Amino acid sequence: MKKELVRNWMTQDVITVKPETSLPEAHQIMMDEEIRRLPVVDDENNLVGIVTLGDVRGAQPSPATSLSIWELNYLLSSLSVEKIMTPQPMTIDPDATIGNAARTMLEHRVSGLPVVGKDGKLAGIITESDIFSMVVIHEWSEGEAEAA
């Protein structure tokens, strides 16, 4: 299990957004796709940032606001992901080990890392759920081998 590579467990078909994507649109994508983070890429698929569900929720106004619903909707629709994303997020190489990815996530208290190849392009994303799945699959297969 220690020798498993990120490339073998990462999600490759990553849902991304552009920096100019509106906050409501990014939030809707997260809800529709049931994901908690969106890598932000430029037109060449270079990673420029990451936006999380927490970032989106933090940017929404308090229920105690005195603004009308129309004013709120206007303000939110004019706010882009670029304004709330974490620019130049921590990344990991596809050839790094899962152990290295897990250690990096723990040390920096993040639940996912964009995977960026040597060419600087977004190759995937590895999350704590991916790592957990790998552990379960390995334990399951080792348990069956021991039982035989």
Foldseek 3Di string as FASTA:
>chain_A
DQQAFQLVQFAQPAAAAEQQAFLVVVLVVCVVVVHFKHFYAHPVQFTFFMDGVVLSVVPQDDPPDPDDPVVRVVVRRRHTNNVRTGTPDDAAERGDTPVVVVVVCVVVVHFKHFYAYPVNHGRGMDGVVSVVVVVVVVVVVVVVVVVD
